[in-house]
Amino acid sequence: MNGVATLPFLKKDNEAYRLVGLVGSFGFTTAGAVAGGYFLGSYLDRKFNTAPWLVLTFMVLGVIGSFIEFFRLVKKLSGEK
């Protein structure tokens, strides 16, 4: 039997790393949503000749979507405790 897995303080450290990873992913989620909004908006702006309105719209929607996802994550994590 592996004695390391039974140490109680290691479970707490693993939980802390998991929480930091989940909350730390907010930056990547936001960056991905903004970049996706930029590329989709610039493509549609070129197609419909509406620059810069669709780029701005989709970037703002990306930021709003990432904050909504962040608050869902916080709600989920606060419900676990």
PDB file of N, CA and C in Angstrom:
ATOM      1  N   MET A   1       0.854  -1.178   0.000  1.00  0.00           N
ATOM      2  CA  MET A   1       0.000   0.000   0.000  1.00  0.00           C
ATOM      3  C   MET A   1       0.897   1.237   0.000  1.00  0.00           C
ATOM      4  N   ASN A   2       0.503   2.252  -0.689  1.00  0.00           N
ATOM      5  CA  ASN A   2       1.267   3.485  -0.802  1.00  0.00           C
ATOM      6  C   ASN A   2       0.934   4.396   0.379  1.00  0.00           C
ATOM      7  N   GLY A   3       1.895   4.648   1.263  1.00  0.00           N
ATOM      8  CA  GLY A   3       1.664   5.450   2.461  1.00  0.00           C
ATOM      9  C   GLY A   3       1.501   6.926   2.176  1.00  0.00           C
ATOM     10  N   VAL A   4       1.951   7.404   1.016  1.00  0.00           N
ATOM     11  CA  VAL A   4       1.888   8.831   0.702  1.00  0.00           C
ATOM     12  C   VAL A   4       0.450   9.283   0.499  1.00  0.00           C
ATOM     13  N   ALA A   5      -0.361   8.457  -0.097  1.00  0.00           N
ATOM     14  CA  ALA A   5      -1.742   8.843  -0.387  1.00  0.00           C
ATOM     15  C   ALA A   5      -2.587   8.963   0.880  1.00  0.00           C
ATOM     16  N   THR A   6      -2.144   8.397   1.978  1.00  0.00           N
ATOM     17  CA  THR A   6      -2.950   8.429   3.195  1.00  0.00           C
ATOM     18  C   THR A   6      -2.636   9.619   4.092  1.00  0.00           C
ATOM     19  N   LEU A   7      -1.623  10.406   3.740  1.00  0.00           N
ATOM     20  CA  LEU A   7      -1.283  11.562   4.560  1.00  0.00           C
ATOM     21  C   LEU A   7      -2.332  12.647   4.369  1.00  0.00           C
ATOM     22  N   PRO A   8      -2.943  13.142   5.443  1.00  0.00           N
ATOM     23  CA  PRO A   8      -4.052  14.099   5.309  1.00  0.00           C
ATOM     24  C   PRO A   8      -3.623  15.451   4.753  1.00  0.00           C
ATOM     25  N   PHE A   9      -2.404  15.906   4.994  1.00  0.00           N
ATOM     26  CA  PHE A   9      -2.019  17.226   4.513  1.00  0.00           C
ATOM     27  C   PHE A   9      -1.799  17.241   3.007  1.00  0.00           C
ATOM     28  N   LEU A  10      -1.496  16.105   2.396  1.00  0.00           N
ATOM     29  CA  LEU A  10      -1.337  16.067   0.944  1.00  0.00           C
ATOM     30  C   LEU A  10      -2.667  16.257   0.243  1.00  0.00           C
ATOM     31  N   LYS A  11      -3.725  15.770   0.825  1.00  0.00           N
ATOM     32  CA  LYS A  11      -5.048  15.959   0.231  1.00  0.00           C
ATOM     33  C   LYS A  11      -5.393  17.443   0.214  1.00  0.00           C
ATOM     34  N   LYS A  12      -5.074  18.158   1.265  1.00  0.00           N
ATOM     35  CA  LYS A  12      -5.353  19.592   1.318  1.00  0.00           C
ATOM     36  C   LYS A  12      -4.511  20.336   0.292  1.00  0.00           C
ATOM     37  N   ASP A  13      -3.251  19.959   0.118  1.00  0.00           N
ATOM     38  CA  ASP A  13      -2.392  20.610  -0.877  1.00  0.00           C
ATOM     39  C   ASP A  13      -2.919  20.365  -2.284  1.00  0.00           C
ATOM     40  N   ASN A  14      -3.325  19.146  -2.569  1.00  0.00           N
ATOM     41  CA  ASN A  14      -3.871  18.842  -3.889  1.00  0.00           C
ATOM     42  C   ASN A  14      -5.139  19.638  -4.147  1.00  0.00           C
ATOM     43  N   GLU A  15      -5.964  19.787  -3.137  1.00  0.00           N
ATOM     44  CA  GLU A  15      -7.193  20.582  -3.277  1.00  0.00           C
ATOM     45  C   GLU A  15      -6.866  22.046  -3.531  1.00  0.00           C
ATOM     46  N   ALA A  16      -5.864  22.559  -2.840  1.00  0.00           N
ATOM     47  CA  ALA A  16      -5.460  23.952  -3.042  1.00  0.00           C
ATOM     48  C   ALA A  16      -4.929  24.157  -4.457  1.00  0.00           C
ATOM     49  N   TYR A  17      -4.136  23.221  -4.944  1.00  0.00           N
ATOM     50  CA  TYR A  17      -3.620  23.335  -6.320  1.00  0.00           C
ATOM     51  C   TYR A  17      -4.758  23.272  -7.330  1.00  0.00           C
ATOM     52  N   ARG A  18      -5.734  22.451  -7.070  1.00  0.00           N
ATOM     53  CA  ARG A  18      -6.879  22.348  -7.984  1.00  0.00           C
ATOM     54  C   ARG A  18      -7.659  23.660  -8.024  1.00  0.00           C
ATOM     55  N   LEU A  19      -7.870  24.256  -6.845  1.00  0.00           N
ATOM     56  CA  LEU A  19      -8.596  25.529  -6.799  1.00  0.00           C
ATOM     57  C   LEU A  19      -7.823  26.643  -7.481  1.00  0.00           C
ATOM     58  N   VAL A  20      -6.518  26.698  -7.247  1.00  0.00           N
ATOM     59  CA  VAL A  20      -5.697  27.730  -7.899  1.00  0.00           C
ATOM     60  C   VAL A  20      -5.714  27.538  -9.406  1.00  0.00           C
ATOM     61  N   GLY A  21      -5.670  26.310  -9.855  1.00  0.00           N
ATOM     62  CA  GLY A  21      -5.726  26.040 -11.290  1.00  0.00           C
ATOM     63  C   GLY A  21      -7.043  26.450 -11.914  1.00  0.00           C
ATOM     64  N   LEU A  22      -8.139  26.164 -11.213  1.00  0.00           N
ATOM     65  CA  LEU A  22      -9.453  26.533 -11.747  1.00  0.00           C
ATOM     66  C   LEU A  22      -9.628  28.043 -11.812  1.00  0.00           C
ATOM     67  N   VAL A  23      -9.246  28.726 -10.751  1.00  0.00           N
ATOM     68  CA  VAL A  23      -9.388  30.184 -10.735  1.00  0.00           C
ATOM     69  C   VAL A  23      -8.367  30.830 -11.677  1.00  0.00           C
ATOM     70  N   GLY A  24      -7.183  30.258 -11.760  1.00  0.00           N
ATOM     71  CA  GLY A  24      -6.157  30.792 -12.653  1.00  0.00           C
ATOM     72  C   GLY A  24      -6.503  30.648 -14.122  1.00  0.00           C
ATOM     73  N   SER A  25      -7.373  29.721 -14.433  1.00  0.00           N
ATOM     74  CA  SER A  25      -7.767  29.541 -15.827  1.00  0.00           C
ATOM     75  C   SER A  25      -8.646  30.685 -16.328  1.00  0.00           C
ATOM     76  N   PHE A  26      -9.079  31.555 -15.431  1.00  0.00           N
ATOM     77  CA  PHE A  26      -9.913  32.697 -15.835  1.00  0.00           C
ATOM     78  C   PHE A  26      -9.205  33.571 -16.860  1.00  0.00           C
ATOM     79  N   GLY A  27      -7.913  33.786 -16.686  1.00  0.00           N
ATOM     80  CA  GLY A  27      -7.154  34.602 -17.630  1.00  0.00           C
ATOM     81  C   GLY A  27      -7.132  33.995 -19.022  1.00  0.00           C
ATOM     82  N   PHE A  28      -6.934  32.682 -19.096  1.00  0.00           N
ATOM     83  CA  PHE A  28      -6.930  32.015 -20.393  1.00  0.00           C
ATOM     84  C   PHE A  28      -8.312  32.020 -21.021  1.00  0.00           C
ATOM     85  N   THR A  29      -9.329  31.857 -20.206  1.00  0.00           N
ATOM     86  CA  THR A  29     -10.698  31.895 -20.719  1.00  0.00           C
ATOM     87  C   THR A  29     -11.022  33.267 -21.289  1.00  0.00           C
ATOM     88  N   THR A  30     -10.651  34.306 -20.559  1.00  0.00           N
ATOM     89  CA  THR A  30     -10.912  35.666 -21.024  1.00  0.00           C
ATOM     90  C   THR A  30     -10.130  35.965 -22.302  1.00  0.00           C
ATOM     91  N   ALA A  31      -8.850  35.613 -22.321  1.00  0.00           N
ATOM     92  CA  ALA A  31      -8.032  35.866 -23.506  1.00  0.00           C
ATOM     93  C   ALA A  31      -8.576  35.118 -24.715  1.00  0.00           C
ATOM     94  N   GLY A  32      -8.982  33.879 -24.522  1.00  0.00           N
ATOM     95  CA  GLY A  32      -9.538  33.101 -25.626  1.00  0.00           C
ATOM     96  C   GLY A  32     -10.852  33.670 -26.131  1.00  0.00           C
ATOM     97  N   ALA A  33     -11.688  34.113 -25.211  1.00  0.00           N
ATOM     98  CA  ALA A  33     -12.980  34.680 -25.614  1.00  0.00           C
ATOM     99  C   ALA A  33     -12.794  35.998 -26.358  1.00  0.00           C
ATOM    100  N   VAL A  34     -11.877  36.833 -25.888  1.00  0.00           N
ATOM    101  CA  VAL A  34     -11.627  38.114 -26.558  1.00  0.00           C
ATOM    102  C   VAL A  34     -10.992  37.883 -27.925  1.00  0.00           C
ATOM    103  N   ALA A  35     -10.021  36.963 -27.998  1.00  0.00           N
ATOM    104  CA  ALA A  35      -9.382  36.669 -29.283  1.00  0.00           C
ATOM    105  C   ALA A  35     -10.384  36.076 -30.268  1.00  0.00           C
ATOM    106  N   GLY A  36     -11.227  35.161 -29.774  1.00  0.00           N
ATOM    107  CA  GLY A  36     -12.253  34.596 -30.643  1.00  0.00           C
ATOM    108  C   GLY A  36     -13.229  35.650 -31.137  1.00  0.00           C
ATOM    109  N   GLY A  37     -13.621  36.563 -30.251  1.00  0.00           N
ATOM    110  CA  GLY A  37     -14.494  37.658 -30.652  1.00  0.00           C
ATOM    111  C   GLY A  37     -13.842  38.572 -31.668  1.00  0.00           C
ATOM    112  N   TYR A  38     -12.539  38.813 -31.487  1.00  0.00           N
ATOM    113  CA  TYR A  38     -11.816  39.663 -32.434  1.00  0.00           C
ATOM    114  C   TYR A  38     -11.775  39.024 -33.827  1.00  0.00           C
ATOM    115  N   PHE A  39     -11.386  37.756 -33.889  1.00  0.00           N
ATOM    116  CA  PHE A  39     -11.254  37.104 -35.195  1.00  0.00           C
ATOM    117  C   PHE A  39     -12.602  36.919 -35.880  1.00  0.00           C
ATOM    118  N   LEU A  40     -13.620  36.526 -35.132  1.00  0.00           N
ATOM    119  CA  LEU A  40     -14.947  36.387 -35.721  1.00  0.00           C
ATOM    120  C   LEU A  40     -15.481  37.746 -36.166  1.00  0.00           C
ATOM    121  N   GLY A  41     -15.323  38.755 -35.315  1.00  0.00           N
ATOM    122  CA  GLY A  41     -15.804  40.092 -35.661  1.00  0.00           C
ATOM    123  C   GLY A  41     -15.076  40.691 -36.845  1.00  0.00           C
ATOM    124  N   SER A  42     -13.759  40.500 -36.929  1.00  0.00           N
ATOM    125  CA  SER A  42     -13.019  41.064 -38.066  1.00  0.00           C
ATOM    126  C   SER A  42     -13.394  40.344 -39.356  1.00  0.00           C
ATOM    127  N   TYR A  43     -13.621  39.039 -39.287  1.00  0.00           N
ATOM    128  CA  TYR A  43     -14.064  38.311 -40.480  1.00  0.00           C
ATOM    129  C   TYR A  43     -15.418  38.837 -40.956  1.00  0.00           C
ATOM    130  N   LEU A  44     -16.350  38.980 -40.014  1.00  0.00           N
ATOM    131  CA  LEU A  44     -17.681  39.466 -40.390  1.00  0.00           C
ATOM    132  C   LEU A  44     -17.655  40.926 -40.824  1.00  0.00           C
ATOM    133  N   ASP A  45     -16.780  41.740 -40.215  1.00  0.00           N
ATOM    134  CA  ASP A  45     -16.646  43.130 -40.646  1.00  0.00           C
ATOM    135  C   ASP A  45     -16.147  43.213 -42.082  1.00  0.00           C
ATOM    136  N   ARG A  46     -15.201  42.368 -42.436  1.00  0.00           N
ATOM    137  CA  ARG A  46     -14.721  42.369 -43.826  1.00  0.00           C
ATOM    138  C   ARG A  46     -15.807  41.894 -44.771  1.00  0.00           C
ATOM    139  N   LYS A  47     -16.567  40.909 -44.347  1.00  0.00           N
ATOM    140  CA  LYS A  47     -17.608  40.349 -45.209  1.00  0.00           C
ATOM    141  C   LYS A  47     -18.752  41.343 -45.434  1.00  0.00           C
ATOM    142  N   PHE A  48     -19.165  42.033 -44.360  1.00  0.00           N
ATOM    143  CA  PHE A  48     -20.318  42.928 -44.461  1.00  0.00           C
ATOM    144  C   PHE A  48     -19.938  44.405 -44.524  1.00  0.00           C
ATOM    145  N   ASN A  49     -18.624  44.720 -44.479  1.00  0.00           N
ATOM    146  CA  ASN A  49     -18.126  46.097 -44.555  1.00  0.00           C
ATOM    147  C   ASN A  49     -18.737  46.972 -43.447  1.00  0.00           C
ATOM    148  N   THR A  50     -18.628  46.493 -42.215  1.00  0.00           N
ATOM    149  CA  THR A  50     -19.205  47.208 -41.077  1.00  0.00           C
ATOM    150  C   THR A  50     -18.157  47.572 -40.028  1.00  0.00           C
ATOM    151  N   ALA A  51     -16.895  47.629 -40.427  1.00  0.00           N
ATOM    152  CA  ALA A  51     -15.791  47.853 -39.473  1.00  0.00           C
ATOM    153  C   ALA A  51     -16.023  49.132 -38.688  1.00  0.00           C
ATOM    154  N   PRO A  52     -15.715  49.180 -37.458  1.00  0.00           N
ATOM    155  CA  PRO A  52     -15.203  48.221 -36.476  1.00  0.00           C
ATOM    156  C   PRO A  52     -16.292  47.670 -35.569  1.00  0.00           C
ATOM    157  N   TRP A  53     -17.542  47.798 -35.950  1.00  0.00           N
ATOM    158  CA  TRP A  53     -18.646  47.532 -35.025  1.00  0.00           C
ATOM    159  C   TRP A  53     -18.774  46.077 -34.619  1.00  0.00           C
ATOM    160  N   LEU A  54     -18.625  45.166 -35.540  1.00  0.00           N
ATOM    161  CA  LEU A  54     -18.775  43.761 -35.167  1.00  0.00           C
ATOM    162  C   LEU A  54     -17.581  43.257 -34.348  1.00  0.00           C
ATOM    163  N   VAL A  55     -16.389  43.783 -34.614  1.00  0.00           N
ATOM    164  CA  VAL A  55     -15.227  43.427 -33.792  1.00  0.00           C
ATOM    165  C   VAL A  55     -15.476  43.848 -32.347  1.00  0.00           C
ATOM    166  N   LEU A  56     -15.883  45.066 -32.158  1.00  0.00           N
ATOM    167  CA  LEU A  56     -16.137  45.564 -30.805  1.00  0.00           C
ATOM    168  C   LEU A  56     -17.264  44.786 -30.125  1.00  0.00           C
ATOM    169  N   THR A  57     -18.326  44.515 -30.867  1.00  0.00           N
ATOM    170  CA  THR A  57     -19.462  43.794 -30.302  1.00  0.00           C
ATOM    171  C   THR A  57     -19.060  42.407 -29.843  1.00  0.00           C
ATOM    172  N   PHE A  58     -18.358  41.668 -30.690  1.00  0.00           N
ATOM    173  CA  PHE A  58     -17.991  40.303 -30.334  1.00  0.00           C
ATOM    174  C   PHE A  58     -16.918  40.258 -29.250  1.00  0.00           C
ATOM    175  N   MET A  59     -16.039  41.249 -29.202  1.00  0.00           N
ATOM    176  CA  MET A  59     -15.058  41.291 -28.122  1.00  0.00           C
ATOM    177  C   MET A  59     -15.736  41.553 -26.779  1.00  0.00           C
ATOM    178  N   VAL A  60     -16.693  42.469 -26.753  1.00  0.00           N
ATOM    179  CA  VAL A  60     -17.434  42.753 -25.522  1.00  0.00           C
ATOM    180  C   VAL A  60     -18.250  41.523 -25.107  1.00  0.00           C
ATOM    181  N   LEU A  61     -18.856  40.850 -26.067  1.00  0.00           N
ATOM    182  CA  LEU A  61     -19.598  39.625 -25.743  1.00  0.00           C
ATOM    183  C   LEU A  61     -18.664  38.549 -25.194  1.00  0.00           C
ATOM    184  N   GLY A  62     -17.441  38.481 -25.707  1.00  0.00           N
ATOM    185  CA  GLY A  62     -16.464  37.531 -25.183  1.00  0.00           C
ATOM    186  C   GLY A  62     -16.100  37.826 -23.745  1.00  0.00           C
ATOM    187  N   VAL A  63     -15.904  39.100 -23.424  1.00  0.00           N
ATOM    188  CA  VAL A  63     -15.587  39.483 -22.042  1.00  0.00           C
ATOM    189  C   VAL A  63     -16.758  39.167 -21.116  1.00  0.00           C
ATOM    190  N   ILE A  64     -17.955  39.498 -21.548  1.00  0.00           N
ATOM    191  CA  ILE A  64     -19.146  39.219 -20.735  1.00  0.00           C
ATOM    192  C   ILE A  64     -19.297  37.714 -20.529  1.00  0.00           C
ATOM    193  N   GLY A  65     -19.103  36.942 -21.580  1.00  0.00           N
ATOM    194  CA  GLY A  65     -19.210  35.487 -21.466  1.00  0.00           C
ATOM    195  C   GLY A  65     -18.172  34.899 -20.537  1.00  0.00           C
ATOM    196  N   SER A  66     -16.956  35.430 -20.571  1.00  0.00           N
ATOM    197  CA  SER A  66     -15.917  34.906 -19.679  1.00  0.00           C
ATOM    198  C   SER A  66     -16.209  35.267 -18.221  1.00  0.00           C
ATOM    199  N   PHE A  67     -16.765  36.435 -17.964  1.00  0.00           N
ATOM    200  CA  PHE A  67     -17.143  36.782 -16.594  1.00  0.00           C
ATOM    201  C   PHE A  67     -18.305  35.916 -16.100  1.00  0.00           C
ATOM    202  N   ILE A  68     -19.242  35.629 -16.975  1.00  0.00           N
ATOM    203  CA  ILE A  68     -20.341  34.738 -16.593  1.00  0.00           C
ATOM    204  C   ILE A  68     -19.793  33.367 -16.232  1.00  0.00           C
ATOM    205  N   GLU A  69     -18.869  32.862 -17.026  1.00  0.00           N
ATOM    206  CA  GLU A  69     -18.260  31.561 -16.734  1.00  0.00           C
ATOM    207  C   GLU A  69     -17.465  31.609 -15.434  1.00  0.00           C
ATOM    208  N   PHE A  70     -16.777  32.715 -15.174  1.00  0.00           N
ATOM    209  CA  PHE A  70     -16.025  32.863 -13.927  1.00  0.00           C
ATOM    210  C   PHE A  70     -16.958  32.846 -12.722  1.00  0.00           C
ATOM    211  N   PHE A  71     -18.078  33.554 -12.803  1.00  0.00           N
ATOM    212  CA  PHE A  71     -19.010  33.574 -11.685  1.00  0.00           C
ATOM    213  C   PHE A  71     -19.672  32.212 -11.479  1.00  0.00           C
ATOM    214  N   ARG A  72     -19.909  31.463 -12.551  1.00  0.00           N
ATOM    215  CA  ARG A  72     -20.412  30.095 -12.401  1.00  0.00           C
ATOM    216  C   ARG A  72     -19.397  29.231 -11.675  1.00  0.00           C
ATOM    217  N   LEU A  73     -18.122  29.407 -12.011  1.00  0.00           N
ATOM    218  CA  LEU A  73     -17.065  28.647 -11.357  1.00  0.00           C
ATOM    219  C   LEU A  73     -16.977  28.995  -9.880  1.00  0.00           C
ATOM    220  N   VAL A  74     -17.058  30.277  -9.558  1.00  0.00           N
ATOM    221  CA  VAL A  74     -17.011  30.700  -8.156  1.00  0.00           C
ATOM    222  C   VAL A  74     -18.209  30.145  -7.398  1.00  0.00           C
ATOM    223  N   LYS A  75     -19.378  30.171  -8.014  1.00  0.00           N
ATOM    224  CA  LYS A  75     -20.573  29.630  -7.366  1.00  0.00           C
ATOM    225  C   LYS A  75     -20.425  28.134  -7.135  1.00  0.00           C
ATOM    226  N   LYS A  76     -19.867  27.427  -8.098  1.00  0.00           N
ATOM    227  CA  LYS A  76     -19.660  25.984  -7.960  1.00  0.00           C
ATOM    228  C   LYS A  76     -18.662  25.706  -6.844  1.00  0.00           C
ATOM    229  N   LEU A  77     -17.571  26.454  -6.792  1.00  0.00           N
ATOM    230  CA  LEU A  77     -16.559  26.230  -5.776  1.00  0.00           C
ATOM    231  C   LEU A  77     -17.058  26.602  -4.380  1.00  0.00           C
ATOM    232  N   SER A  78     -17.857  27.647  -4.275  1.00  0.00           N
ATOM    233  CA  SER A  78     -18.390  28.019  -2.970  1.00  0.00           C
ATOM    234  C   SER A  78     -19.434  27.026  -2.494  1.00  0.00           C
ATOM    235  N   GLY A  79     -20.093  26.338  -3.409  1.00  0.00           N
ATOM    236  CA  GLY A  79     -21.058  25.322  -3.041  1.00  0.00           C
ATOM    237  C   GLY A  79     -20.410  24.044  -2.543  1.00  0.00           C
ATOM    238  N   GLU A  80     -19.152  23.808  -2.936  1.00  0.00           N
ATOM    239  CA  GLU A  80     -18.437  22.616  -2.501  1.00  0.00           C
ATOM    240  C   GLU A  80     -18.001  22.716  -1.045  1.00  0.00           C
ATOM    241  N   LYS A  81     -17.779  23.895  -0.548  1.00  0.00           N
ATOM    242  CA  LYS A  81     -17.232  24.073   0.809  1.00  0.00           C
ATOM    243  C   LYS A  81     -18.331  24.046   1.839  1.00  0.00           C
TER     244      LYS A  81
END
